[in-house]
């Protein structure tokens, strides 16, 4: 794994720990997926899920879409890891749920 893959792996794990700390959401299956597949492949699998994920819904209900995988994918530092289609899917999903993506 290169430095950028290591960083996204760490950032994916931080999503788990921050959500647990800030809103009391323990996303055990999310962490299991990240541990098994690595952050990059886990992110790709989660964003490709038709209709989104339960975790996305929990984050939306708690007004913390900033902790979503979709928001992470749109960070400029990860532009080379995801296709334009993947990034558009994330942007569209976030917009649909009222998250401001103009700075992304």
Protein backbone atom coordinates (compact mmCIF):
# COMPACT_ATOMS: atom_id res chain seq x y z
CA UNK A 1 0.00 0.00 0.00
CA UNK A 2 1.25 3.45 -0.89
CA UNK A 3 1.06 6.56 1.29
CA UNK A 4 -2.29 7.72 -0.14
CA UNK A 5 -3.87 4.30 0.42
CA UNK A 6 -2.53 4.26 3.99
CA UNK A 7 -4.03 7.71 4.57
CA UNK A 8 -7.48 6.77 3.32
CA UNK A 9 -7.32 3.60 5.41
CA UNK A 10 -6.58 5.72 8.50
CA UNK A 11 -9.29 8.23 7.59
CA UNK A 12 -11.86 5.45 7.18
CA UNK A 13 -10.99 4.14 10.65
CA UNK A 14 -11.28 7.69 12.00
CA UNK A 15 -14.84 7.87 10.64
CA UNK A 16 -15.68 4.91 12.88
CA UNK A 17 -14.01 6.30 16.00
CA UNK A 18 -15.40 9.83 15.54
CA UNK A 19 -18.96 8.58 14.95
CA UNK A 20 -18.71 6.38 18.03
CA UNK A 21 -17.38 9.22 20.16
CA UNK A 22 -19.56 12.05 18.86
CA UNK A 23 -22.94 10.42 18.26
CA UNK A 24 -22.66 7.03 19.96
CA UNK A 25 -22.87 5.10 16.68
CA UNK A 26 -20.88 1.87 16.72
CA UNK A 27 -20.53 0.80 13.10
CA UNK A 28 -19.05 -2.64 13.71
CA UNK A 29 -19.72 -3.98 10.20
CA UNK A 30 -18.14 -0.84 8.71
CA UNK A 31 -14.96 -1.38 10.74
CA UNK A 32 -14.94 -5.07 9.88
CA UNK A 33 -15.15 -4.21 6.16
CA UNK A 34 -12.32 -1.68 6.45
CA UNK A 35 -10.18 -4.22 8.33
CA UNK A 36 -10.83 -6.96 5.77
CA UNK A 37 -10.62 -5.00 2.51
CA UNK A 38 -8.69 -1.87 3.42
CA UNK A 39 -10.05 1.65 3.40
CA UNK A 40 -9.98 2.21 -0.35
CA UNK A 41 -11.80 -0.97 -1.36
CA UNK A 42 -14.25 -0.59 1.52
CA UNK A 43 -15.05 2.96 0.40
CA UNK A 44 -15.58 1.85 -3.19
CA UNK A 45 -17.89 -0.96 -2.07
CA UNK A 46 -19.92 1.27 0.25
CA UNK A 47 -20.46 4.12 -2.19
CA UNK A 48 -21.51 1.67 -4.92
CA UNK A 49 -24.30 0.26 -2.75
CA UNK A 50 -27.62 1.09 -4.42
CA UNK A 51 -29.60 3.52 -2.29
CA UNK A 52 -26.74 4.12 0.14
CA UNK A 53 -26.05 2.47 3.48
CA UNK A 54 -27.64 2.30 6.90
CA UNK A 55 -24.61 4.14 8.29
CA UNK A 56 -25.19 7.03 5.90
CA UNK A 57 -28.77 7.22 7.16
CA UNK A 58 -27.62 7.28 10.80
CA UNK A 59 -25.13 10.05 10.04
CA UNK A 60 -27.83 12.03 8.23
CA UNK A 61 -30.26 11.64 11.14
CA UNK A 62 -27.55 12.97 13.47
CA UNK A 63 -26.59 15.80 11.10
CA UNK A 64 -23.08 14.38 10.65
CA UNK A 65 -22.81 13.68 6.94
CA UNK A 66 -19.35 15.21 7.24
CA UNK A 67 -18.41 11.77 8.64
CA UNK A 68 -19.79 9.88 5.64
CA UNK A 69 -17.63 7.89 3.26
CA UNK A 70 -19.17 10.02 0.50
CA UNK A 71 -17.75 13.20 2.06
CA UNK A 72 -14.37 11.52 2.47
CA UNK A 73 -14.29 10.45 -1.18
CA UNK A 74 -14.82 14.06 -2.26
CA UNK A 75 -11.76 15.37 -0.43
CA UNK A 76 -9.29 16.79 -2.94
CA UNK A 77 -6.46 14.64 -1.61
CA UNK A 78 -8.30 11.51 -2.82
CA UNK A 79 -9.25 12.69 -6.31
CA UNK A 80 -6.80 10.23 -7.91
CA UNK A 81 -8.29 7.22 -6.10
CA UNK A 82 -11.85 7.52 -7.40
CA UNK A 83 -13.34 7.86 -10.86
CA UNK A 84 -15.35 10.89 -11.91
CA UNK A 85 -18.43 8.67 -11.80
CA UNK A 86 -17.74 7.58 -8.22
CA UNK A 87 -17.18 11.16 -7.13
CA UNK A 88 -20.37 12.32 -8.87
CA UNK A 89 -22.35 9.55 -7.18
CA UNK A 90 -21.06 10.76 -3.81
CA UNK A 91 -21.77 14.40 -4.60
CA UNK A 92 -25.30 13.60 -5.78
CA UNK A 93 -26.07 11.47 -2.72
CA UNK A 94 -24.87 14.16 -0.35
CA UNK A 95 -26.81 16.89 -2.18
CA UNK A 96 -29.96 14.76 -2.11
CA UNK A 97 -29.73 14.73 1.69
CA UNK A 98 -29.09 18.46 1.96
CA UNK A 99 -25.33 18.43 2.50
CA UNK A 100 -23.50 21.38 0.96
CA UNK A 101 -20.87 20.06 -1.44
CA UNK A 102 -19.90 23.38 -3.03
CA UNK A 103 -16.55 23.47 -1.23
CA UNK A 104 -15.74 19.92 -2.33
